[in-house]
Amino acid sequence: MFGRVRAPHIRLRELAQRYGPVMSLQLGEVVNVVISSPEAAKLVLKTHDLVFASRPSLLVARIIFYGCKDIGFAPYGEYWRQMRKICIVELLSARRVASFRSIREEEASTLISRIRLAATARDEEGVDLREMLFSFSSNVTYRYGLGCIVIKNLFNLLNPFINFCSRL
């Protein structure tokens, strides 16, 4: 469908012009609903948001996240609403976010130093930021949640798995 002729977003626009602003599109084994107009997006995201609120139940999420009991994969309902409320009060309140400022600043400083070092070492080559940004976000997250950096080279350990999953 996408081929190499046109960028995917241009091809999706052409499909929307042909089939309308709401269409079903099968990508591999997964059926997707494509919304391509502001009016249809408003209907889905505001008017009928509860109908579209849940995510599909994935086997990997059921196995890794204890039957989809985490906030990212839990189906929409009372349990999810309670989890969301706890996260907002305990993790995302202004006071709590402000208390983590030093962690963000320290990790941002480390990130800038790593980028500067990589840029000067490579002269005219580009700098691959994927690993650095992954490390930055995971270090901030782990330090918020656990108070420490879990694994220094987590990206190197997970990169083969990430590449494998992206090919599925």
C-alpha atoms as a PDB file:
ATOM      1  CA  MET A   1       0.000   0.000   0.000  1.00  0.00           C
ATOM      2  CA  PHE A   2       2.629   2.551   1.047  1.00  0.00           C
ATOM      3  CA  GLY A   3       5.505   1.421  -1.166  1.00  0.00           C
ATOM      4  CA  ARG A   4       8.431   3.760  -1.625  1.00  0.00           C
ATOM      5  CA  VAL A   5       6.753   6.261  -3.949  1.00  0.00           C
ATOM      6  CA  ARG A   6       5.008   8.506  -1.426  1.00  0.00           C
ATOM      7  CA  ALA A   7       5.485   9.271   2.234  1.00  0.00           C
ATOM      8  CA  PRO A   8       2.945   7.420   4.428  1.00  0.00           C
ATOM      9  CA  HIS A   9       1.185  10.612   5.551  1.00  0.00           C
ATOM     10  CA  ILE A  10       0.655  11.665   1.934  1.00  0.00           C
ATOM     11  CA  ARG A  11      -0.685   8.215   1.015  1.00  0.00           C
ATOM     12  CA  LEU A  12      -3.029   8.300   4.027  1.00  0.00           C
ATOM     13  CA  ARG A  13      -4.306  11.708   2.893  1.00  0.00           C
ATOM     14  CA  GLU A  14      -4.991  10.300  -0.574  1.00  0.00           C
ATOM     15  CA  LEU A  15      -6.842   7.332   0.929  1.00  0.00           C
ATOM     16  CA  ALA A  16      -8.920   9.692   3.079  1.00  0.00           C
ATOM     17  CA  GLN A  17      -9.829  11.747   0.012  1.00  0.00           C
ATOM     18  CA  ARG A  18     -10.948   8.569  -1.728  1.00  0.00           C
ATOM     19  CA  TYR A  19     -12.674   6.701   1.139  1.00  0.00           C
ATOM     20  CA  GLY A  20     -13.644   9.461   3.554  1.00  0.00           C
ATOM     21  CA  PRO A  21     -12.424  10.838   6.887  1.00  0.00           C
ATOM     22  CA  VAL A  22     -13.012   7.608   8.847  1.00  0.00           C
ATOM     23  CA  MET A  23     -11.685   4.354   7.447  1.00  0.00           C
ATOM     24  CA  SER A  24     -10.576   0.927   8.545  1.00  0.00           C
ATOM     25  CA  LEU A  25      -7.060  -0.010   7.526  1.00  0.00           C
ATOM     26  CA  GLN A  26      -5.444  -3.399   8.070  1.00  0.00           C
ATOM     27  CA  LEU A  27      -1.691  -3.210   8.702  1.00  0.00           C
ATOM     28  CA  GLY A  28      -0.414  -6.765   8.977  1.00  0.00           C
ATOM     29  CA  GLU A  29      -2.704  -8.587  11.380  1.00  0.00           C
ATOM     30  CA  VAL A  30      -3.876  -5.414  13.118  1.00  0.00           C
ATOM     31  CA  VAL A  31      -7.006  -3.585  12.018  1.00  0.00           C
ATOM     32  CA  ASN A  32      -6.710   0.171  12.612  1.00  0.00           C
ATOM     33  CA  VAL A  33      -9.249   2.961  12.473  1.00  0.00           C
ATOM     34  CA  VAL A  34      -7.864   6.017  10.705  1.00  0.00           C
ATOM     35  CA  ILE A  35      -9.413   9.387  11.545  1.00  0.00           C
ATOM     36  CA  SER A  36      -8.367  12.127   9.138  1.00  0.00           C
ATOM     37  CA  SER A  37     -10.546  15.164   9.660  1.00  0.00           C
ATOM     38  CA  PRO A  38     -10.897  17.595  12.567  1.00  0.00           C
ATOM     39  CA  GLU A  39     -14.652  16.979  12.735  1.00  0.00           C
ATOM     40  CA  ALA A  40     -14.254  13.195  12.941  1.00  0.00           C
ATOM     41  CA  ALA A  41     -11.429  13.567  15.472  1.00  0.00           C
ATOM     42  CA  LYS A  42     -13.677  15.726  17.660  1.00  0.00           C
ATOM     43  CA  LEU A  43     -16.401  13.064  17.522  1.00  0.00           C
ATOM     44  CA  VAL A  44     -13.948  10.323  18.505  1.00  0.00           C
ATOM     45  CA  LEU A  45     -11.966  12.249  21.125  1.00  0.00           C
ATOM     46  CA  LYS A  46     -14.743  14.291  22.748  1.00  0.00           C
ATOM     47  CA  THR A  47     -18.261  13.158  21.903  1.00  0.00           C
ATOM     48  CA  HIS A  48     -17.698   9.381  21.881  1.00  0.00           C
ATOM     49  CA  ASP A  49     -14.481   9.236  23.909  1.00  0.00           C
ATOM     50  CA  LEU A  50     -15.684   6.455  26.241  1.00  0.00           C
ATOM     51  CA  VAL A  51     -16.299   4.133  23.282  1.00  0.00           C
ATOM     52  CA  PHE A  52     -12.680   4.563  22.154  1.00  0.00           C
ATOM     53  CA  ALA A  53     -11.079   4.845  25.615  1.00  0.00           C
ATOM     54  CA  SER A  54      -9.801   1.263  26.008  1.00  0.00           C
ATOM     55  CA  ARG A  55      -6.774  -0.190  24.288  1.00  0.00           C
ATOM     56  CA  PRO A  56      -6.761  -3.639  22.732  1.00  0.00           C
ATOM     57  CA  SER A  57      -5.755  -6.381  25.145  1.00  0.00           C
ATOM     58  CA  LEU A  58      -2.304  -7.585  24.109  1.00  0.00           C
ATOM     59  CA  LEU A  59      -0.912 -10.962  25.176  1.00  0.00           C
ATOM     60  CA  VAL A  60       2.486  -9.470  25.990  1.00  0.00           C
ATOM     61  CA  ALA A  61       0.854  -6.828  28.210  1.00  0.00           C
ATOM     62  CA  ARG A  62      -1.192  -9.481  30.029  1.00  0.00           C
ATOM     63  CA  ILE A  63       1.972 -11.496  30.723  1.00  0.00           C
ATOM     64  CA  ILE A  64       4.408  -8.705  31.615  1.00  0.00           C
ATOM     65  CA  PHE A  65       2.004  -6.373  33.427  1.00  0.00           C
ATOM     66  CA  TYR A  66       0.181  -8.915  35.616  1.00  0.00           C
ATOM     67  CA  GLY A  67      -2.997  -9.175  33.612  1.00  0.00           C
ATOM     68  CA  CYS A  68      -2.878  -5.562  32.374  1.00  0.00           C
ATOM     69  CA  LYS A  69      -2.937  -4.118  35.895  1.00  0.00           C
ATOM     70  CA  ASP A  70      -0.650  -1.154  35.150  1.00  0.00           C
ATOM     71  CA  ILE A  71      -1.998   2.231  34.117  1.00  0.00           C
ATOM     72  CA  GLY A  72      -0.625   1.990  30.580  1.00  0.00           C
ATOM     73  CA  PHE A  73      -2.469  -1.196  29.631  1.00  0.00           C
ATOM     74  CA  ALA A  74      -5.413  -1.421  32.039  1.00  0.00           C
ATOM     75  CA  PRO A  75      -8.785  -1.292  30.281  1.00  0.00           C
ATOM     76  CA  TYR A  76     -10.811   1.841  30.845  1.00  0.00           C
ATOM     77  CA  GLY A  77     -13.051   1.482  33.867  1.00  0.00           C
ATOM     78  CA  GLU A  78     -13.178   2.020  37.623  1.00  0.00           C
ATOM     79  CA  TYR A  79      -9.750   0.379  38.233  1.00  0.00           C
ATOM     80  CA  TRP A  80      -8.091   2.556  35.571  1.00  0.00           C
ATOM     81  CA  ARG A  81      -9.745   5.722  36.922  1.00  0.00           C
ATOM     82  CA  GLN A  82      -8.470   4.935  40.448  1.00  0.00           C
ATOM     83  CA  MET A  83      -4.943   4.258  39.121  1.00  0.00           C
ATOM     84  CA  ARG A  84      -5.027   7.540  37.198  1.00  0.00           C
ATOM     85  CA  LYS A  85      -6.171   9.434  40.293  1.00  0.00           C
ATOM     86  CA  ILE A  86      -3.344   7.924  42.382  1.00  0.00           C
ATOM     87  CA  CYS A  87      -0.759   8.800  39.714  1.00  0.00           C
ATOM     88  CA  ILE A  88      -1.964  12.380  39.448  1.00  0.00           C
ATOM     89  CA  VAL A  89      -2.022  12.926  43.210  1.00  0.00           C
ATOM     90  CA  GLU A  90       1.171  11.025  44.082  1.00  0.00           C
ATOM     91  CA  LEU A  91       3.376  11.543  41.011  1.00  0.00           C
ATOM     92  CA  LEU A  92       2.148  14.490  38.980  1.00  0.00           C
ATOM     93  CA  SER A  93       1.121  17.108  41.534  1.00  0.00           C
ATOM     94  CA  ALA A  94       2.931  20.450  41.247  1.00  0.00           C
ATOM     95  CA  ARG A  95       4.679  19.845  44.572  1.00  0.00           C
ATOM     96  CA  ARG A  96       5.871  16.362  43.565  1.00  0.00           C
ATOM     97  CA  VAL A  97       7.069  17.465  40.122  1.00  0.00           C
ATOM     98  CA  ALA A  98       8.950  20.386  41.726  1.00  0.00           C
ATOM     99  CA  SER A  99      10.609  17.978  44.171  1.00  0.00           C
ATOM    100  CA  PHE A 100      12.166  16.112  41.220  1.00  0.00           C
ATOM    101  CA  ARG A 101      13.602  19.236  39.614  1.00  0.00           C
ATOM    102  CA  SER A 102      17.174  18.509  40.726  1.00  0.00           C
ATOM    103  CA  ILE A 103      17.003  15.046  39.122  1.00  0.00           C
ATOM    104  CA  ARG A 104      15.823  16.504  35.804  1.00  0.00           C
ATOM    105  CA  GLU A 105      18.511  19.208  35.896  1.00  0.00           C
ATOM    106  CA  GLU A 106      21.274  16.733  36.744  1.00  0.00           C
ATOM    107  CA  GLU A 107      20.242  14.296  34.010  1.00  0.00           C
ATOM    108  CA  ALA A 108      19.839  17.144  31.485  1.00  0.00           C
ATOM    109  CA  SER A 109      23.344  18.361  32.333  1.00  0.00           C
ATOM    110  CA  THR A 110      24.698  14.837  31.832  1.00  0.00           C
ATOM    111  CA  LEU A 111      22.856  14.594  28.499  1.00  0.00           C
ATOM    112  CA  ILE A 112      24.285  17.910  27.275  1.00  0.00           C
ATOM    113  CA  SER A 113      27.808  16.843  28.284  1.00  0.00           C
ATOM    114  CA  ARG A 114      27.432  13.533  26.444  1.00  0.00           C
ATOM    115  CA  ILE A 115      26.146  15.289  23.306  1.00  0.00           C
ATOM    116  CA  ARG A 116      28.992  17.834  23.427  1.00  0.00           C
ATOM    117  CA  LEU A 117      31.588  15.072  23.875  1.00  0.00           C
ATOM    118  CA  ALA A 118      30.136  13.001  21.017  1.00  0.00           C
ATOM    119  CA  ALA A 119      29.928  16.024  18.708  1.00  0.00           C
ATOM    120  CA  THR A 120      33.558  17.036  19.266  1.00  0.00           C
ATOM    121  CA  ALA A 121      34.799  13.458  18.907  1.00  0.00           C
ATOM    122  CA  ARG A 122      33.051  12.911  15.577  1.00  0.00           C
ATOM    123  CA  ASP A 123      33.872  16.230  13.883  1.00  0.00           C
ATOM    124  CA  GLU A 124      31.788  16.141  10.686  1.00  0.00           C
ATOM    125  CA  GLU A 125      29.769  13.003  11.386  1.00  0.00           C
ATOM    126  CA  GLY A 126      26.318  13.294  12.863  1.00  0.00           C
ATOM    127  CA  VAL A 127      25.561  12.312  16.434  1.00  0.00           C
ATOM    128  CA  ASP A 128      23.062   9.505  17.044  1.00  0.00           C
ATOM    129  CA  LEU A 129      20.866  10.785  19.844  1.00  0.00           C
ATOM    130  CA  ARG A 130      18.675   7.668  20.212  1.00  0.00           C
ATOM    131  CA  GLU A 131      20.743   6.010  22.925  1.00  0.00           C
ATOM    132  CA  MET A 132      21.427   9.281  24.733  1.00  0.00           C
ATOM    133  CA  LEU A 133      17.762  10.329  24.814  1.00  0.00           C
ATOM    134  CA  PHE A 134      16.681   6.821  25.816  1.00  0.00           C
ATOM    135  CA  SER A 135      19.190   6.875  28.680  1.00  0.00           C
ATOM    136  CA  PHE A 136      18.068  10.356  29.714  1.00  0.00           C
ATOM    137  CA  SER A 137      14.380   9.456  29.880  1.00  0.00           C
ATOM    138  CA  SER A 138      14.924   6.070  31.534  1.00  0.00           C
ATOM    139  CA  ASN A 139      17.381   7.518  34.092  1.00  0.00           C
ATOM    140  CA  VAL A 140      14.919  10.268  35.021  1.00  0.00           C
ATOM    141  CA  THR A 141      12.091   7.733  35.293  1.00  0.00           C
ATOM    142  CA  TYR A 142      14.095   5.252  37.377  1.00  0.00           C
ATOM    143  CA  ARG A 143      15.431   7.950  39.665  1.00  0.00           C
ATOM    144  CA  TYR A 144      11.885   9.269  40.176  1.00  0.00           C
ATOM    145  CA  GLY A 145      10.424   5.850  40.874  1.00  0.00           C
ATOM    146  CA  LEU A 146      13.274   3.909  42.467  1.00  0.00           C
ATOM    147  CA  GLY A 147      15.735   6.553  43.598  1.00  0.00           C
ATOM    148  CA  CYS A 148      18.602   5.177  41.522  1.00  0.00           C
ATOM    149  CA  ILE A 149      19.753   4.365  38.008  1.00  0.00           C
ATOM    150  CA  VAL A 150      18.948   0.705  37.437  1.00  0.00           C
ATOM    151  CA  ILE A 151      21.261  -0.296  34.568  1.00  0.00           C
ATOM    152  CA  LYS A 152      23.876   1.961  32.977  1.00  0.00           C
ATOM    153  CA  ASN A 153      23.699   0.394  29.500  1.00  0.00           C
ATOM    154  CA  LEU A 154      19.986  -0.401  29.383  1.00  0.00           C
ATOM    155  CA  PHE A 155      19.703   0.845  25.792  1.00  0.00           C
ATOM    156  CA  ASN A 156      22.410  -1.570  24.624  1.00  0.00           C
ATOM    157  CA  LEU A 157      20.599  -4.423  26.349  1.00  0.00           C
ATOM    158  CA  LEU A 158      17.168  -3.507  24.984  1.00  0.00           C
ATOM    159  CA  ASN A 159      18.150  -2.320  21.494  1.00  0.00           C
ATOM    160  CA  PRO A 160      18.041  -5.805  19.878  1.00  0.00           C
ATOM    161  CA  PHE A 161      14.588  -6.342  21.394  1.00  0.00           C
ATOM    162  CA  ILE A 162      13.399  -2.889  20.244  1.00  0.00           C
ATOM    163  CA  ASN A 163      14.661  -3.572  16.708  1.00  0.00           C
ATOM    164  CA  PHE A 164      12.986  -6.991  16.701  1.00  0.00           C
ATOM    165  CA  CYS A 165       9.656  -5.524  17.831  1.00  0.00           C
ATOM    166  CA  SER A 166       9.820  -2.752  15.238  1.00  0.00           C
ATOM    167  CA  ARG A 167      10.020  -5.392  12.488  1.00  0.00           C
ATOM    168  CA  LEU A 168       6.876  -7.225  13.667  1.00  0.00           C
END
